Amino acid sequence: MEPRISIVTLGVTDLKRSIVFYRDGLGLPMHGWPSEQIAFFKTSATWLALFPCDALAADATVPATGSGFQRFTLAHNLRSREEVNRTLEEAQAAGASIVRPAGGTDWGGYSGYFADPDGFLWEIAWNGHFSIE
């Protein structure tokens, strides 16, 4: 297996609302036009897909029910602390909930978290130990 993650697919409860949040609120560029079933956003290294939660669960043949911590976060690493602050403000203005405001970390970086309209957690971070291209 090649060391790569090609697509991260989020099972969303309202596809239209999520498209508005990611496209209009966060400014992610869409790939093509959304259909009634799925929307794709091309990012620098990985694609983000939005797919209705029930359909995603059916595709994976698992129950769509359940709640709580989804046991993963998405990370968006930036080049400065200022970019972290701006991105969290942008997400909040788009309808995200700030879960943890930006601040220093025990690993020497700077980060905060927001939850998108479906509760998916995004860490917005700056890490001075490696550069982001």
Protein backbone atom coordinates (compact mmCIF):
# COMPACT_ATOMS: atom_id res chain seq x y z
CA MET A 1 0.00 0.00 0.00
CA GLU A 2 1.33 3.44 -0.86
CA PRO A 3 1.64 5.87 2.08
CA ARG A 4 -1.18 8.22 1.16
CA ILE A 5 -4.69 9.20 2.20
CA SER A 6 -6.57 10.27 -0.91
CA ILE A 7 -10.04 11.19 0.35
CA VAL A 8 -11.55 11.90 3.77
CA THR A 9 -15.33 11.43 3.59
CA LEU A 10 -17.56 12.95 6.26
CA GLY A 11 -21.02 11.49 6.78
CA VAL A 12 -23.16 14.61 7.10
CA THR A 13 -26.77 15.03 8.21
CA ASP A 14 -27.65 17.85 5.79
CA LEU A 15 -25.60 17.82 2.58
CA LYS A 16 -26.77 21.25 1.35
CA ARG A 17 -25.99 22.90 4.71
CA SER A 18 -22.55 21.28 4.79
CA ILE A 19 -21.77 22.42 1.24
CA VAL A 20 -22.63 25.99 2.22
CA PHE A 21 -20.44 25.72 5.34
CA TYR A 22 -17.36 24.33 3.57
CA ARG A 23 -17.70 26.17 0.23
CA ASP A 24 -19.11 29.54 1.24
CA GLY A 25 -18.11 29.74 4.89
CA LEU A 26 -14.60 28.26 4.82
CA GLY A 27 -13.89 28.96 1.15
CA LEU A 28 -12.86 25.43 0.14
CA PRO A 29 -12.87 25.01 -3.65
CA MET A 30 -15.35 22.47 -4.95
CA HIS A 31 -14.42 19.93 -7.57
CA GLY A 32 -17.19 20.09 -10.14
CA TRP A 33 -20.74 20.59 -8.98
CA PRO A 34 -22.36 18.82 -6.06
CA SER A 35 -24.96 16.20 -6.83
CA GLU A 36 -27.86 15.17 -4.63
CA GLN A 37 -25.60 12.39 -3.30
CA ILE A 38 -22.08 13.77 -2.76
CA ALA A 39 -19.83 16.83 -2.90
CA PHE A 40 -16.05 16.92 -3.37
CA PHE A 41 -13.55 19.59 -2.32
CA LYS A 42 -9.98 19.47 -3.57
CA THR A 43 -7.43 20.50 -0.97
CA SER A 44 -3.65 20.66 -1.32
CA ALA A 45 -2.94 16.99 -0.73
CA THR A 46 -6.22 15.22 0.02
CA TRP A 47 -9.80 15.47 -1.15
CA LEU A 48 -12.66 16.14 1.25
CA ALA A 49 -15.96 14.42 0.42
CA LEU A 50 -19.36 15.07 2.00
CA PHE A 51 -21.83 12.20 1.81
CA PRO A 52 -25.17 11.72 3.61
CA CYS A 53 -24.58 9.86 6.87
CA ASP A 54 -27.17 7.13 6.29
CA ALA A 55 -25.80 6.43 2.81
CA LEU A 56 -22.20 6.34 4.07
CA ALA A 57 -23.14 3.89 6.83
CA ALA A 58 -25.02 1.73 4.31
CA ASP A 59 -22.02 1.78 1.98
CA ALA A 60 -19.79 0.55 4.81
CA THR A 61 -22.51 -1.87 5.99
CA VAL A 62 -22.53 -0.48 9.56
CA PRO A 63 -25.32 1.09 11.66
CA ALA A 64 -25.82 4.82 11.15
CA THR A 65 -26.86 5.33 14.78
CA GLY A 66 -24.62 6.38 17.62
CA SER A 67 -23.25 9.58 19.06
CA GLY A 68 -20.42 10.97 21.08
CA PHE A 69 -16.77 11.41 20.23
CA GLN A 70 -16.20 10.07 16.74
CA ARG A 71 -12.64 8.98 17.62
CA PHE A 72 -10.85 11.14 15.09
CA THR A 73 -10.17 14.76 14.32
CA LEU A 74 -9.22 16.55 11.13
CA ALA A 75 -6.16 18.77 11.34
CA HIS A 76 -5.43 21.91 9.36
CA ASN A 77 -1.87 23.07 9.98
CA LEU A 78 -0.89 26.63 9.18
CA ARG A 79 2.23 28.75 8.94
CA SER A 80 1.66 31.09 11.90
CA ARG A 81 -0.27 31.70 15.09
CA GLU A 82 -2.02 34.61 13.38
CA GLU A 83 -3.33 32.28 10.66
CA VAL A 84 -4.68 29.96 13.36
CA ASN A 85 -6.60 32.83 14.94
CA ARG A 86 -7.95 34.05 11.58
CA THR A 87 -9.05 30.57 10.53
CA LEU A 88 -10.89 29.93 13.80
CA GLU A 89 -12.65 33.30 13.44
CA GLU A 90 -13.56 32.45 9.84
CA ALA A 91 -14.96 29.06 10.87
CA GLN A 92 -17.01 30.60 13.68
CA ALA A 93 -18.42 33.24 11.32
CA ALA A 94 -19.41 30.41 8.96
CA GLY A 95 -21.37 28.65 11.71
CA ALA A 96 -18.79 26.47 13.47
CA SER A 97 -18.71 26.12 17.23
CA ILE A 98 -15.39 26.88 18.89
CA VAL A 99 -14.62 23.84 21.04
CA ARG A 100 -11.24 25.03 22.35
CA PRO A 101 -10.00 28.56 21.70
CA ALA A 102 -6.51 28.94 20.26
CA GLY A 103 -3.67 28.82 22.70
CA GLY A 104 -0.26 27.38 23.45
CA THR A 105 0.11 23.61 23.52
CA ASP A 106 2.17 21.26 25.64
CA TRP A 107 4.06 20.21 22.49
CA GLY A 108 5.24 23.78 21.84
CA GLY A 109 2.78 24.74 19.16
CA TYR A 110 -0.40 26.80 19.03
CA SER A 111 -3.83 25.39 18.25
CA GLY A 112 -7.56 25.48 18.79
CA TYR A 113 -10.53 23.35 17.78
CA PHE A 114 -13.86 23.97 16.11
CA ALA A 115 -16.79 21.68 15.36
CA ASP A 116 -18.50 21.91 11.99
CA PRO A 117 -22.34 21.84 11.74
CA ASP A 118 -22.31 18.03 12.11
CA GLY A 119 -19.91 18.08 15.06
CA PHE A 120 -16.78 16.94 13.20
CA LEU A 121 -13.78 18.27 15.10
CA TRP A 122 -11.12 20.27 13.29
CA GLU A 123 -7.82 21.14 14.96
CA ILE A 124 -6.40 24.38 13.58
CA ALA A 125 -2.72 24.44 14.44
CA TRP A 126 0.68 25.99 13.98
CA ASN A 127 3.68 23.78 14.72
CA GLY A 128 7.06 25.45 14.76
CA HIS A 129 8.78 22.04 14.61
CA PHE A 130 7.92 21.43 10.97
CA SER A 131 6.92 23.55 8.00
CA ILE A 132 3.75 23.27 5.97
CA GLU A 133 4.12 23.57 2.22
